[in-house]
Amino acid sequence: MKRWLPMRWLSLVCRLVVGGVFIWASLDKLAHPAEFAKAIHHYRIVPYALLHPAALLLPMVEAVAGVALVIGWQRRGAALACAGMLLVFLVAIGSALVRGLDISCGCFNTDGGHAVGLDLFWRDLLLLIACLPPLLAARGGFGLDRDR
C-alpha cells in the first residue's frame, strides 16, 4: 500500500496542474466565444460552418474536464479527455508551425495572447505527459473516485 503513495501524490499534482490549466484556459473562451471562433479560424483547419459550434463546445469541454480532474471525479475519463484535447492542440500547433502561420494560439485569452511557437508546442507536450499519472494510477486517491 505504501509503495503506491508516491504515485498517488504524483497523480494528484498532475491532476491539479492539468485541471487548473484547462479551467483557466476555458474562462476567457467561455466569456468571448465569437473572438475564440476567430482564433480557431486563424489556424485554417476547421471548416467555417463548424467554427462557432467548436468555439462554444471546446471551452465547455475544457471546463468540465478540468473541474473533474481537479476534484478527482471520473479521473481517468477526465485525464483521457484532456489528453485528447492536447493531442488535437499539438496537431494544430504543429500544422501552424509547419505552414509558417504567424498567429496567436487562442489558448488563455482571445485578444492576442501568446503567439504559436515551439515553446507552446513543448508546453502542451509536457501537459500531455502530465496526463499520464492520473490516467495510469491504480487508484484515484485524494479525489471523489478514490475507491475505484
N, C-alpha and C. Protein backbone atom coordinates (compact mmCIF):
# COMPACT_ATOMS: atom_id res chain seq x y z
N MET A 1 0.82 -1.20 0.00
CA MET A 1 0.00 0.00 0.00
C MET A 1 0.87 1.26 0.00
N LYS A 2 1.91 1.29 0.83
CA LYS A 2 2.75 2.48 0.91
C LYS A 2 3.55 2.71 -0.36
N ARG A 3 3.83 1.62 -1.09
CA ARG A 3 4.63 1.79 -2.30
C ARG A 3 3.88 2.58 -3.37
N TRP A 4 2.55 2.65 -3.29
CA TRP A 4 1.76 3.38 -4.28
C TRP A 4 1.55 4.84 -3.88
N LEU A 5 1.92 5.19 -2.64
CA LEU A 5 1.71 6.55 -2.17
C LEU A 5 2.40 7.60 -3.04
N PRO A 6 3.67 7.42 -3.45
CA PRO A 6 4.29 8.43 -4.33
C PRO A 6 3.52 8.60 -5.64
N MET A 7 3.02 7.51 -6.20
CA MET A 7 2.25 7.61 -7.45
C MET A 7 0.95 8.38 -7.22
N ARG A 8 0.34 8.18 -6.05
CA ARG A 8 -0.89 8.93 -5.75
C ARG A 8 -0.60 10.42 -5.65
N TRP A 9 0.51 10.76 -5.01
CA TRP A 9 0.87 12.18 -4.89
C TRP A 9 1.21 12.77 -6.26
N LEU A 10 1.95 12.01 -7.05
CA LEU A 10 2.28 12.47 -8.41
C LEU A 10 1.00 12.65 -9.22
N SER A 11 0.09 11.70 -9.10
CA SER A 11 -1.18 11.79 -9.80
C SER A 11 -1.96 13.02 -9.35
N LEU A 12 -1.97 13.29 -8.05
CA LEU A 12 -2.67 14.45 -7.52
C LEU A 12 -2.08 15.75 -8.07
N VAL A 13 -0.76 15.87 -8.01
CA VAL A 13 -0.11 17.09 -8.50
C VAL A 13 -0.41 17.29 -9.99
N CYS A 14 -0.30 16.22 -10.77
CA CYS A 14 -0.58 16.32 -12.21
C CYS A 14 -2.04 16.66 -12.46
N ARG A 15 -2.95 16.06 -11.68
CA ARG A 15 -4.37 16.39 -11.82
C ARG A 15 -4.62 17.87 -11.57
N LEU A 16 -4.03 18.39 -10.49
CA LEU A 16 -4.25 19.79 -10.14
C LEU A 16 -3.66 20.73 -11.18
N VAL A 17 -2.47 20.42 -11.67
CA VAL A 17 -1.83 21.28 -12.67
C VAL A 17 -2.61 21.25 -13.99
N VAL A 18 -2.83 20.05 -14.53
CA VAL A 18 -3.51 19.95 -15.82
C VAL A 18 -4.94 20.45 -15.71
N GLY A 19 -5.65 20.05 -14.67
CA GLY A 19 -7.02 20.51 -14.48
C GLY A 19 -7.10 22.01 -14.32
N GLY A 20 -6.18 22.58 -13.53
CA GLY A 20 -6.16 24.03 -13.35
C GLY A 20 -5.89 24.77 -14.65
N VAL A 21 -4.98 24.25 -15.45
CA VAL A 21 -4.67 24.86 -16.75
C VAL A 21 -5.92 24.83 -17.65
N PHE A 22 -6.62 23.71 -17.67
CA PHE A 22 -7.81 23.62 -18.52
C PHE A 22 -8.93 24.53 -18.04
N ILE A 23 -9.11 24.63 -16.73
CA ILE A 23 -10.12 25.55 -16.20
C ILE A 23 -9.77 26.99 -16.58
N TRP A 24 -8.52 27.37 -16.33
CA TRP A 24 -8.06 28.73 -16.64
C TRP A 24 -8.22 29.03 -18.13
N ALA A 25 -7.86 28.06 -18.96
CA ALA A 25 -7.93 28.25 -20.41
C ALA A 25 -9.37 28.42 -20.88
N SER A 26 -10.32 27.83 -20.19
CA SER A 26 -11.71 27.89 -20.64
C SER A 26 -12.39 29.22 -20.32
N LEU A 27 -11.93 29.93 -19.32
CA LEU A 27 -12.67 31.09 -18.81
C LEU A 27 -12.89 32.19 -19.84
N ASP A 28 -11.83 32.67 -20.47
CA ASP A 28 -11.97 33.76 -21.44
C ASP A 28 -12.71 33.29 -22.69
N LYS A 29 -12.50 32.04 -23.06
CA LYS A 29 -13.19 31.49 -24.24
C LYS A 29 -14.68 31.39 -23.99
N LEU A 30 -15.07 31.02 -22.78
CA LEU A 30 -16.49 30.96 -22.44
C LEU A 30 -17.12 32.35 -22.45
N ALA A 31 -16.35 33.34 -22.02
CA ALA A 31 -16.86 34.71 -21.97
C ALA A 31 -16.91 35.38 -23.34
N HIS A 32 -16.05 34.95 -24.27
CA HIS A 32 -15.95 35.60 -25.58
C HIS A 32 -15.89 34.56 -26.70
N PRO A 33 -16.99 33.84 -26.94
CA PRO A 33 -16.95 32.77 -27.95
C PRO A 33 -16.72 33.27 -29.37
N ALA A 34 -17.20 34.46 -29.71
CA ALA A 34 -17.00 34.97 -31.08
C ALA A 34 -15.52 35.24 -31.34
N GLU A 35 -14.83 35.80 -30.36
CA GLU A 35 -13.40 36.05 -30.52
C GLU A 35 -12.63 34.73 -30.57
N PHE A 36 -13.07 33.76 -29.79
CA PHE A 36 -12.41 32.46 -29.83
C PHE A 36 -12.62 31.79 -31.19
N ALA A 37 -13.79 31.98 -31.78
CA ALA A 37 -14.04 31.44 -33.13
C ALA A 37 -13.05 32.04 -34.13
N LYS A 38 -12.74 33.33 -33.97
CA LYS A 38 -11.74 33.96 -34.85
C LYS A 38 -10.36 33.33 -34.65
N ALA A 39 -10.02 33.06 -33.39
CA ALA A 39 -8.72 32.44 -33.11
C ALA A 39 -8.64 31.06 -33.74
N ILE A 40 -9.73 30.31 -33.68
CA ILE A 40 -9.76 28.98 -34.31
C ILE A 40 -9.62 29.14 -35.83
N HIS A 41 -10.31 30.13 -36.38
CA HIS A 41 -10.28 30.37 -37.83
C HIS A 41 -8.86 30.64 -38.33
N HIS A 42 -8.06 31.32 -37.53
CA HIS A 42 -6.69 31.66 -37.94
C HIS A 42 -5.82 30.43 -38.19
N TYR A 43 -6.17 29.30 -37.59
CA TYR A 43 -5.41 28.07 -37.81
C TYR A 43 -5.68 27.48 -39.19
N ARG A 44 -6.78 27.87 -39.82
CA ARG A 44 -7.17 27.41 -41.16
C ARG A 44 -7.28 25.88 -41.24
N ILE A 45 -7.88 25.29 -40.22
CA ILE A 45 -8.07 23.85 -40.17
C ILE A 45 -9.55 23.48 -40.13
N VAL A 46 -10.31 24.21 -39.32
CA VAL A 46 -11.72 23.90 -39.10
C VAL A 46 -12.58 24.57 -40.18
N PRO A 47 -13.50 23.82 -40.79
CA PRO A 47 -14.40 24.43 -41.78
C PRO A 47 -15.21 25.56 -41.16
N TYR A 48 -15.52 26.56 -41.98
CA TYR A 48 -16.21 27.75 -41.49
C TYR A 48 -17.51 27.40 -40.77
N ALA A 49 -18.26 26.45 -41.28
CA ALA A 49 -19.55 26.08 -40.69
C ALA A 49 -19.40 25.51 -39.28
N LEU A 50 -18.22 25.02 -38.94
CA LEU A 50 -18.00 24.42 -37.62
C LEU A 50 -17.28 25.35 -36.64
N LEU A 51 -16.91 26.54 -37.08
CA LEU A 51 -16.15 27.45 -36.21
C LEU A 51 -16.92 27.81 -34.94
N HIS A 52 -18.15 28.27 -35.10
CA HIS A 52 -18.91 28.72 -33.93
C HIS A 52 -19.32 27.56 -33.03
N PRO A 53 -19.77 26.43 -33.58
CA PRO A 53 -20.03 25.29 -32.68
C PRO A 53 -18.77 24.85 -31.93
N ALA A 54 -17.63 24.84 -32.59
CA ALA A 54 -16.38 24.47 -31.93
C ALA A 54 -16.02 25.48 -30.85
N ALA A 55 -16.22 26.77 -31.14
CA ALA A 55 -15.89 27.82 -30.19
C ALA A 55 -16.80 27.78 -28.96
N LEU A 56 -17.99 27.25 -29.12
CA LEU A 56 -18.90 27.11 -27.98
C LEU A 56 -18.63 25.82 -27.20
N LEU A 57 -18.39 24.74 -27.92
CA LEU A 57 -18.27 23.43 -27.29
C LEU A 57 -16.91 23.21 -26.62
N LEU A 58 -15.83 23.57 -27.28
CA LEU A 58 -14.50 23.29 -26.75
C LEU A 58 -14.27 23.87 -25.36
N PRO A 59 -14.58 25.15 -25.10
CA PRO A 59 -14.35 25.68 -23.75
C PRO A 59 -15.20 24.98 -22.69
N MET A 60 -16.40 24.55 -23.06
CA MET A 60 -17.24 23.83 -22.10
C MET A 60 -16.60 22.49 -21.74
N VAL A 61 -16.10 21.79 -22.75
CA VAL A 61 -15.43 20.51 -22.51
C VAL A 61 -14.16 20.73 -21.69
N GLU A 62 -13.41 21.79 -22.01
CA GLU A 62 -12.21 22.11 -21.23
C GLU A 62 -12.56 22.35 -19.77
N ALA A 63 -13.61 23.13 -19.52
CA ALA A 63 -14.00 23.45 -18.15
C ALA A 63 -14.45 22.20 -17.39
N VAL A 64 -15.31 21.40 -18.00
CA VAL A 64 -15.82 20.21 -17.32
C VAL A 64 -14.70 19.21 -17.06
N ALA A 65 -13.85 18.97 -18.06
CA ALA A 65 -12.74 18.04 -17.88
C ALA A 65 -11.77 18.57 -16.82
N GLY A 66 -11.51 19.87 -16.83
CA GLY A 66 -10.60 20.46 -15.85
C GLY A 66 -11.13 20.34 -14.43
N VAL A 67 -12.41 20.66 -14.23
CA VAL A 67 -13.01 20.55 -12.90
C VAL A 67 -13.01 19.09 -12.45
N ALA A 68 -13.41 18.18 -13.34
CA ALA A 68 -13.44 16.75 -12.99
C ALA A 68 -12.05 16.27 -12.60
N LEU A 69 -11.04 16.73 -13.30
CA LEU A 69 -9.67 16.31 -12.99
C LEU A 69 -9.23 16.86 -11.63
N VAL A 70 -9.54 18.12 -11.36
CA VAL A 70 -9.14 18.74 -10.10
C VAL A 70 -9.81 18.06 -8.91
N ILE A 71 -11.10 17.76 -9.01
CA ILE A 71 -11.79 17.16 -7.87
C ILE A 71 -11.66 15.64 -7.83
N GLY A 72 -11.07 15.07 -8.87
CA GLY A 72 -10.85 13.63 -8.89
C GLY A 72 -12.09 12.82 -9.21
N TRP A 73 -13.02 13.40 -9.94
CA TRP A 73 -14.24 12.70 -10.33
C TRP A 73 -14.03 12.15 -11.74
N GLN A 74 -14.25 10.86 -11.90
CA GLN A 74 -14.00 10.21 -13.19
C GLN A 74 -12.60 10.56 -13.69
N ARG A 75 -11.64 10.38 -12.79
CA ARG A 75 -10.25 10.78 -13.02
C ARG A 75 -9.69 10.31 -14.35
N ARG A 76 -9.87 9.04 -14.64
CA ARG A 76 -9.30 8.51 -15.88
C ARG A 76 -9.99 9.09 -17.11
N GLY A 77 -11.30 9.21 -17.07
CA GLY A 77 -12.02 9.81 -18.20
C GLY A 77 -11.64 11.26 -18.41
N ALA A 78 -11.50 12.01 -17.31
CA ALA A 78 -11.12 13.42 -17.40
C ALA A 78 -9.70 13.55 -17.94
N ALA A 79 -8.79 12.69 -17.46
CA ALA A 79 -7.41 12.73 -17.95
C ALA A 79 -7.36 12.36 -19.43
N LEU A 80 -8.17 11.39 -19.82
CA LEU A 80 -8.22 10.99 -21.23
C LEU A 80 -8.79 12.12 -22.10
N ALA A 81 -9.81 12.81 -21.61
CA ALA A 81 -10.38 13.95 -22.36
C ALA A 81 -9.34 15.05 -22.52
N CYS A 82 -8.63 15.37 -21.44
CA CYS A 82 -7.58 16.40 -21.52
C CYS A 82 -6.47 15.97 -22.46
N ALA A 83 -6.06 14.72 -22.37
CA ALA A 83 -5.01 14.22 -23.26
C ALA A 83 -5.46 14.28 -24.72
N GLY A 84 -6.70 13.93 -24.98
CA GLY A 84 -7.22 14.00 -26.35
C GLY A 84 -7.23 15.42 -26.88
N MET A 85 -7.67 16.37 -26.04
CA MET A 85 -7.66 17.76 -26.47
C MET A 85 -6.23 18.24 -26.71
N LEU A 86 -5.32 17.86 -25.84
CA LEU A 86 -3.92 18.26 -26.01
C LEU A 86 -3.33 17.69 -27.30
N LEU A 87 -3.70 16.47 -27.65
CA LEU A 87 -3.24 15.91 -28.93
C LEU A 87 -3.75 16.74 -30.10
N VAL A 88 -5.02 17.13 -30.04
CA VAL A 88 -5.58 17.98 -31.10
C VAL A 88 -4.85 19.32 -31.14
N PHE A 89 -4.59 19.90 -29.97
CA PHE A 89 -3.88 21.18 -29.91
C PHE A 89 -2.47 21.04 -30.48
N LEU A 90 -1.80 19.93 -30.16
CA LEU A 90 -0.45 19.71 -30.68
C LEU A 90 -0.45 19.60 -32.20
N VAL A 91 -1.44 18.92 -32.75
CA VAL A 91 -1.55 18.82 -34.21
C VAL A 91 -1.80 20.20 -34.81
N ALA A 92 -2.69 20.98 -34.21
CA ALA A 92 -2.98 22.32 -34.72
C ALA A 92 -1.75 23.23 -34.63
N ILE A 93 -1.06 23.18 -33.52
CA ILE A 93 0.15 24.00 -33.35
C ILE A 93 1.22 23.56 -34.34
N GLY A 94 1.44 22.26 -34.44
CA GLY A 94 2.42 21.74 -35.40
C GLY A 94 2.10 22.14 -36.82
N SER A 95 0.82 22.06 -37.17
CA SER A 95 0.39 22.46 -38.51
C SER A 95 0.66 23.94 -38.76
N ALA A 96 0.36 24.77 -37.77
CA ALA A 96 0.60 26.21 -37.91
C ALA A 96 2.10 26.50 -38.04
N LEU A 97 2.91 25.78 -37.27
CA LEU A 97 4.36 25.98 -37.35
C LEU A 97 4.91 25.57 -38.70
N VAL A 98 4.49 24.41 -39.18
CA VAL A 98 4.97 23.91 -40.48
C VAL A 98 4.57 24.86 -41.61
N ARG A 99 3.36 25.42 -41.52
CA ARG A 99 2.88 26.32 -42.57
C ARG A 99 3.35 27.75 -42.37
N GLY A 100 4.09 28.01 -41.29
CA GLY A 100 4.64 29.34 -41.06
C GLY A 100 3.60 30.39 -40.71
N LEU A 101 2.49 29.99 -40.10
CA LEU A 101 1.46 30.95 -39.72
C LEU A 101 1.92 31.77 -38.52
N ASP A 102 1.76 33.07 -38.61
CA ASP A 102 2.10 33.97 -37.51
C ASP A 102 0.80 34.36 -36.82
N ILE A 103 0.35 33.50 -35.89
CA ILE A 103 -0.95 33.69 -35.26
C ILE A 103 -0.84 33.55 -33.75
N SER A 104 -1.86 34.06 -33.07
CA SER A 104 -1.98 33.88 -31.63
C SER A 104 -2.57 32.50 -31.38
N CYS A 105 -2.16 31.86 -30.30
CA CYS A 105 -2.62 30.50 -30.06
C CYS A 105 -4.09 30.45 -29.65
N GLY A 106 -4.63 31.49 -29.03
CA GLY A 106 -6.01 31.44 -28.56
C GLY A 106 -6.15 30.57 -27.32
N CYS A 107 -5.07 30.35 -26.62
CA CYS A 107 -5.06 29.39 -25.50
C CYS A 107 -5.75 29.92 -24.25
N PHE A 108 -5.32 31.06 -23.74
CA PHE A 108 -5.84 31.55 -22.47
C PHE A 108 -6.63 32.84 -22.59
N ASN A 109 -6.44 33.55 -23.68
CA ASN A 109 -7.27 34.73 -23.91
C ASN A 109 -7.48 34.89 -25.40
N THR A 110 -8.53 35.61 -25.72
CA THR A 110 -8.92 35.73 -27.12
C THR A 110 -8.46 37.03 -27.75
N ASP A 111 -7.74 37.86 -27.00
CA ASP A 111 -7.33 39.17 -27.53
C ASP A 111 -5.84 39.22 -27.85
N GLY A 112 -5.38 38.26 -28.59
CA GLY A 112 -3.96 38.25 -28.96
C GLY A 112 -3.24 37.16 -28.22
N GLY A 113 -2.73 37.48 -27.06
CA GLY A 113 -2.10 36.47 -26.24
C GLY A 113 -0.80 35.94 -26.79
N HIS A 114 -0.53 34.71 -26.52
CA HIS A 114 0.73 34.05 -26.84
C HIS A 114 0.75 33.62 -28.30
N ALA A 115 1.85 33.91 -28.98
CA ALA A 115 1.99 33.50 -30.38
C ALA A 115 2.32 32.02 -30.47
N VAL A 116 1.87 31.40 -31.54
CA VAL A 116 2.19 29.99 -31.78
C VAL A 116 3.69 29.87 -32.03
N GLY A 117 4.33 28.99 -31.29
CA GLY A 117 5.77 28.77 -31.43
C GLY A 117 6.16 27.44 -30.83
N LEU A 118 7.43 27.12 -30.92
CA LEU A 118 7.92 25.85 -30.37
C LEU A 118 7.72 25.76 -28.86
N ASP A 119 7.85 26.89 -28.16
CA ASP A 119 7.65 26.87 -26.71
C ASP A 119 6.23 26.42 -26.36
N LEU A 120 5.27 26.85 -27.15
CA LEU A 120 3.88 26.44 -26.95
C LEU A 120 3.71 24.94 -27.22
N PHE A 121 4.37 24.46 -28.25
CA PHE A 121 4.32 23.04 -28.59
C PHE A 121 4.88 22.21 -27.43
N TRP A 122 6.04 22.62 -26.89
CA TRP A 122 6.66 21.88 -25.79
C TRP A 122 5.81 21.96 -24.53
N ARG A 123 5.21 23.11 -24.27
CA ARG A 123 4.34 23.24 -23.09
C ARG A 123 3.18 22.25 -23.17
N ASP A 124 2.53 22.19 -24.33
CA ASP A 124 1.41 21.27 -24.48
C ASP A 124 1.86 19.82 -24.43
N LEU A 125 3.05 19.55 -24.93
CA LEU A 125 3.58 18.18 -24.84
C LEU A 125 3.83 17.79 -23.38
N LEU A 126 4.36 18.72 -22.58
CA LEU A 126 4.56 18.45 -21.16
C LEU A 126 3.22 18.24 -20.45
N LEU A 127 2.22 19.03 -20.80
CA LEU A 127 0.89 18.83 -20.22
C LEU A 127 0.32 17.47 -20.61
N LEU A 128 0.57 17.06 -21.85
CA LEU A 128 0.11 15.74 -22.29
C LEU A 128 0.78 14.64 -21.46
N ILE A 129 2.07 14.77 -21.23
CA ILE A 129 2.79 13.80 -20.40
C ILE A 129 2.24 13.81 -18.97
N ALA A 130 1.87 15.00 -18.47
CA ALA A 130 1.31 15.11 -17.12
C ALA A 130 -0.07 14.46 -17.00
N CYS A 131 -0.70 14.16 -18.12
CA CYS A 131 -1.99 13.44 -18.09
C CYS A 131 -1.79 11.96 -17.79
N LEU A 132 -0.58 11.46 -17.96
CA LEU A 132 -0.34 10.02 -17.79
C LEU A 132 -0.51 9.51 -16.35
N PRO A 133 0.07 10.15 -15.33
CA PRO A 133 -0.12 9.62 -13.97
C PRO A 133 -1.59 9.50 -13.55
N PRO A 134 -2.44 10.52 -13.76
CA PRO A 134 -3.85 10.33 -13.39
C PRO A 134 -4.53 9.24 -14.22
N LEU A 135 -4.08 9.08 -15.43
CA LEU A 135 -4.67 8.08 -16.32
C LEU A 135 -4.24 6.67 -15.93
N LEU A 136 -3.01 6.52 -15.48
CA LEU A 136 -2.44 5.20 -15.24
C LEU A 136 -2.40 4.78 -13.77
N ALA A 137 -2.64 5.72 -12.85
CA ALA A 137 -2.58 5.38 -11.42
C ALA A 137 -3.59 4.28 -11.10
N ALA A 138 -3.17 3.32 -10.28
CA ALA A 138 -4.01 2.17 -9.95
C ALA A 138 -5.30 2.59 -9.26
N ARG A 139 -5.23 3.51 -8.35
CA ARG A 139 -6.41 4.01 -7.65
C ARG A 139 -6.39 5.52 -7.71
N GLY A 140 -7.58 6.09 -7.61
CA GLY A 140 -7.70 7.54 -7.70
C GLY A 140 -6.96 8.26 -6.60
N GLY A 141 -7.24 7.90 -5.35
CA GLY A 141 -6.61 8.57 -4.23
C GLY A 141 -6.83 10.07 -4.24
N PHE A 142 -7.13 10.64 -3.11
CA PHE A 142 -7.26 12.09 -2.97
C PHE A 142 -8.29 12.68 -3.93
N GLY A 143 -9.36 11.99 -4.19
CA GLY A 143 -10.39 12.52 -5.07
C GLY A 143 -11.72 11.84 -4.84
N LEU A 144 -12.73 12.28 -5.55
CA LEU A 144 -14.06 11.73 -5.37
C LEU A 144 -14.17 10.27 -5.77
N ASP A 145 -13.37 9.82 -6.70
CA ASP A 145 -13.45 8.42 -7.13
C ASP A 145 -12.31 7.58 -6.57
N ARG A 146 -11.88 7.88 -5.35
CA ARG A 146 -10.69 7.25 -4.78
C ARG A 146 -10.83 5.76 -4.54
N ASP A 147 -12.04 5.24 -4.41
CA ASP A 147 -12.21 3.81 -4.14
C ASP A 147 -12.33 2.98 -5.40
N ARG A 148 -12.28 3.59 -6.55
CA ARG A 148 -12.44 2.85 -7.81
C ARG A 148 -11.12 2.45 -8.36
